[in-house]
């Protein structure tokens, strides 16, 4: 994923999966595409970080700031963006 949307949600009362789902809904409404990939800091995900939220793949990366979620459309091995209906 080269381009994506960065989402901040530091509310400690909300589950990480719910935060990702909310960010994905916003992304779909704003850009007209459903994101397929989400990166977050390992500490944001915690011990119970989900691997998937619906059809969205979730990965951790230390390069993403705490409490931030980087969402976008993942790429295939050939470098083309994955196609998914909004």
Protein backbone atom coordinates (compact mmCIF):
# COMPACT_ATOMS: atom_id res chain seq x y z
CA UNK A 1 0.00 0.00 0.00
CA UNK A 2 1.56 3.26 -1.13
CA UNK A 3 -1.30 5.69 -0.50
CA UNK A 4 -3.81 5.61 2.31
CA UNK A 5 -5.75 7.57 4.86
CA UNK A 6 -4.39 8.15 8.35
CA UNK A 7 -7.04 7.97 11.09
CA UNK A 8 -6.55 8.98 14.74
CA UNK A 9 -8.65 7.43 17.50
CA UNK A 10 -7.21 7.50 21.02
CA UNK A 11 -10.46 6.80 22.88
CA UNK A 12 -9.55 4.15 25.49
CA UNK A 13 -13.21 3.12 25.91
CA UNK A 14 -13.56 1.81 22.35
CA UNK A 15 -12.35 -1.60 21.18
CA UNK A 16 -9.62 -1.62 18.49
CA UNK A 17 -11.84 -3.59 16.11
CA UNK A 18 -14.62 -1.00 16.45
CA UNK A 19 -12.13 1.82 15.81
CA UNK A 20 -10.93 0.12 12.62
CA UNK A 21 -14.50 -0.52 11.45
CA UNK A 22 -15.40 3.15 12.02
CA UNK A 23 -12.32 4.30 10.09
CA UNK A 24 -13.13 1.88 7.25
CA UNK A 25 -16.68 3.22 7.00
CA UNK A 26 -15.39 6.78 6.82
CA UNK A 27 -12.85 5.78 4.15
CA UNK A 28 -15.54 4.08 2.05
CA UNK A 29 -17.90 7.07 2.35
CA UNK A 30 -15.18 9.61 1.52
CA UNK A 31 -13.30 7.82 -1.27
CA UNK A 32 -15.99 5.54 -2.71
CA UNK A 33 -13.86 2.41 -2.25
CA UNK A 34 -13.70 -0.14 0.49
CA UNK A 35 -10.25 -0.33 2.11
CA UNK A 36 -8.65 -3.77 2.15
CA UNK A 37 -5.69 -3.16 4.44
CA UNK A 38 -5.08 -1.41 7.76
CA UNK A 39 -1.75 -0.84 9.52
CA UNK A 40 -1.48 0.14 13.17
CA UNK A 41 1.28 0.32 15.81
CA UNK A 42 1.68 -2.96 17.75
CA UNK A 43 0.99 -1.16 21.04
CA UNK A 44 -2.25 0.26 19.63
CA UNK A 45 -3.42 -3.24 18.72
CA UNK A 46 -2.39 -4.68 22.06
CA UNK A 47 -2.31 -8.37 22.91
CA UNK A 48 -5.69 -9.04 21.32
CA UNK A 49 -5.12 -7.28 18.00
CA UNK A 50 -7.41 -8.79 15.35
CA UNK A 51 -5.95 -10.10 12.08
CA UNK A 52 -9.11 -9.09 10.24
CA UNK A 53 -12.04 -6.76 10.77
CA UNK A 54 -14.66 -7.94 8.33
CA UNK A 55 -12.92 -8.19 4.96
CA UNK A 56 -10.21 -5.74 6.06
CA UNK A 57 -6.76 -7.25 6.70
CA UNK A 58 -5.06 -5.81 9.81
CA UNK A 59 -1.27 -5.68 10.18
CA UNK A 60 1.01 -4.04 12.72
CA UNK A 61 3.93 -1.75 11.94
CA UNK A 62 6.16 0.27 14.24
CA UNK A 63 6.28 3.02 11.60
CA UNK A 64 2.63 3.95 12.34
CA UNK A 65 2.15 6.34 15.26
CA UNK A 66 0.36 5.19 18.41
CA UNK A 67 -3.45 5.40 18.19
CA UNK A 68 -3.29 5.94 14.41
CA UNK A 69 -4.69 3.66 11.72
CA UNK A 70 -3.39 3.73 8.14
CA UNK A 71 -6.07 2.42 5.80
CA UNK A 72 -6.02 1.89 2.07
CA UNK A 73 -6.25 -0.60 -0.73
CA UNK A 74 -3.60 -3.32 -0.63
CA UNK A 75 -1.68 -4.44 -3.68
CA UNK A 76 -1.23 -7.80 -5.32
CA UNK A 77 2.15 -9.27 -6.13
CA UNK A 78 1.96 -7.71 -9.60
CA UNK A 79 1.62 -4.25 -8.05
CA UNK A 80 -1.97 -3.59 -9.10
CA UNK A 81 -4.44 -2.43 -6.50
CA UNK A 82 -6.88 -5.06 -5.32
CA UNK A 83 -10.33 -4.43 -6.75
CA UNK A 84 -13.24 -4.54 -4.36
CA UNK A 85 -16.70 -3.09 -4.71
CA UNK A 86 -17.67 -0.28 -2.38
